[in-house]
C-alpha atoms as a PDB file:
ATOM      1  CA  UNK A   1      -4.848 -94.867 -24.556  1.00  0.00           C
ATOM      2  CA  UNK A   2      -5.939 -98.475 -24.492  1.00  0.00           C
ATOM      3  CA  UNK A   3      -6.713-100.453 -21.339  1.00  0.00           C
ATOM      4  CA  UNK A   4      -8.439-103.673 -20.433  1.00  0.00           C
ATOM      5  CA  UNK A   5     -11.091-103.545 -17.707  1.00  0.00           C
ATOM      6  CA  UNK A   6     -13.498-106.042 -16.184  1.00  0.00           C
ATOM      7  CA  UNK A   7     -17.172-106.198 -17.076  1.00  0.00           C
ATOM      8  CA  UNK A   8     -19.899-108.168 -15.300  1.00  0.00           C
ATOM      9  CA  UNK A   9     -22.766-109.169 -17.566  1.00  0.00           C
ATOM     10  CA  UNK A  10     -26.274-110.175 -16.537  1.00  0.00           C
ATOM     11  CA  UNK A  11     -29.472-110.538 -18.513  1.00  0.00           C
ATOM     12  CA  UNK A  12     -32.686-109.107 -17.130  1.00  0.00           C
ATOM     13  CA  UNK A  13     -35.976-109.422 -19.001  1.00  0.00           C
ATOM     14  CA  UNK A  14     -34.246-109.739 -22.381  1.00  0.00           C
ATOM     15  CA  UNK A  15     -31.905-106.794 -21.780  1.00  0.00           C
ATOM     16  CA  UNK A  16     -28.184-107.194 -21.175  1.00  0.00           C
ATOM     17  CA  UNK A  17     -26.867-105.227 -18.191  1.00  0.00           C
ATOM     18  CA  UNK A  18     -23.103-104.711 -17.946  1.00  0.00           C
ATOM     19  CA  UNK A  19     -21.122-103.076 -15.186  1.00  0.00           C
ATOM     20  CA  UNK A  20     -17.538-102.378 -14.262  1.00  0.00           C
ATOM     21  CA  UNK A  21     -16.998-103.399 -10.622  1.00  0.00           C
ATOM     22  CA  UNK A  22     -14.034-101.029 -10.171  1.00  0.00           C
ATOM     23  CA  UNK A  23     -16.027 -97.882 -10.942  1.00  0.00           C
ATOM     24  CA  UNK A  24     -19.661 -98.907 -10.534  1.00  0.00           C
ATOM     25  CA  UNK A  25     -20.334 -97.669 -14.085  1.00  0.00           C
ATOM     26  CA  UNK A  26     -23.256 -99.630 -15.518  1.00  0.00           C
ATOM     27  CA  UNK A  27     -24.981 -99.671 -18.879  1.00  0.00           C
ATOM     28  CA  UNK A  28     -27.368-101.830 -20.860  1.00  0.00           C
ATOM     29  CA  UNK A  29     -28.403-102.838 -24.353  1.00  0.00           C
ATOM     30  CA  UNK A  30     -30.763-105.084 -26.272  1.00  0.00           C
ATOM     31  CA  UNK A  31     -27.781-107.217 -27.381  1.00  0.00           C
ATOM     32  CA  UNK A  32     -24.568-108.104 -25.609  1.00  0.00           C
ATOM     33  CA  UNK A  33     -22.560-106.260 -28.251  1.00  0.00           C
ATOM     34  CA  UNK A  34     -24.626-103.097 -27.813  1.00  0.00           C
ATOM     35  CA  UNK A  35     -24.455-103.303 -24.018  1.00  0.00           C
ATOM     36  CA  UNK A  36     -20.655-103.627 -24.118  1.00  0.00           C
ATOM     37  CA  UNK A  37     -20.368-100.748 -26.595  1.00  0.00           C
ATOM     38  CA  UNK A  38     -22.541 -98.619 -24.295  1.00  0.00           C
ATOM     39  CA  UNK A  39     -20.382 -99.534 -21.291  1.00  0.00           C
ATOM     40  CA  UNK A  40     -17.235 -98.652 -23.217  1.00  0.00           C
ATOM     41  CA  UNK A  41     -18.694 -95.224 -24.034  1.00  0.00           C
ATOM     42  CA  UNK A  42     -19.870 -94.681 -20.446  1.00  0.00           C
ATOM     43  CA  UNK A  43     -16.466 -95.652 -19.030  1.00  0.00           C
ATOM     44  CA  UNK A  44     -14.777 -93.270 -21.451  1.00  0.00           C
ATOM     45  CA  UNK A  45     -16.953 -90.434 -20.181  1.00  0.00           C
ATOM     46  CA  UNK A  46     -16.359 -91.473 -16.571  1.00  0.00           C
ATOM     47  CA  UNK A  47     -12.590 -91.478 -17.020  1.00  0.00           C
ATOM     48  CA  UNK A  48     -12.725 -88.158 -18.845  1.00  0.00           C
ATOM     49  CA  UNK A  49     -14.525 -86.625 -15.848  1.00  0.00           C
ATOM     50  CA  UNK A  50     -12.235 -88.352 -13.330  1.00  0.00           C
ATOM     51  CA  UNK A  51      -9.213 -86.577 -14.791  1.00  0.00           C
ATOM     52  CA  UNK A  52      -6.205 -87.189 -12.573  1.00  0.00           C
ATOM     53  CA  UNK A  53      -8.256 -89.180 -10.035  1.00  0.00           C
ATOM     54  CA  UNK A  54      -8.291 -92.393 -12.052  1.00  0.00           C
ATOM     55  CA  UNK A  55      -9.659 -95.487 -10.295  1.00  0.00           C
ATOM     56  CA  UNK A  56      -7.353 -98.385  -9.517  1.00  0.00           C
ATOM     57  CA  UNK A  57      -8.577-101.017 -11.960  1.00  0.00           C
ATOM     58  CA  UNK A  58      -8.120-104.568 -10.708  1.00  0.00           C
ATOM     59  CA  UNK A  59      -6.064-106.824 -12.939  1.00  0.00           C
ATOM     60  CA  UNK A  60      -8.154-109.918 -12.339  1.00  0.00           C
ATOM     61  CA  UNK A  61     -11.765-110.447 -11.402  1.00  0.00           C
ATOM     62  CA  UNK A  62     -13.391-113.604 -10.175  1.00  0.00           C
ATOM     63  CA  UNK A  63     -17.073-114.318 -10.504  1.00  0.00           C
ATOM     64  CA  UNK A  64     -18.735-117.225  -8.809  1.00  0.00           C
ATOM     65  CA  UNK A  65     -22.165-118.298  -7.681  1.00  0.00           C
ATOM     66  CA  UNK A  66     -23.352-119.551  -4.320  1.00  0.00           C
ATOM     67  CA  UNK A  67     -26.443-121.487  -3.356  1.00  0.00           C
ATOM     68  CA  UNK A  68     -28.632-120.053  -0.608  1.00  0.00           C
END
């Protein structure tokens, strides 16, 4: 089964951190490609464990910044 999900990417001390806001699943990697691959694997495991209780993935995500 193929699905498209949202991923939020940040960089912290030279490491890429990626997370899916719908599930809270987060992973990391030394490159963006590796971080995304790790997130894909982690989400696969999450969904496998979730079984019939699949999360409701949002169709669209918006990311913005604010100044404090």
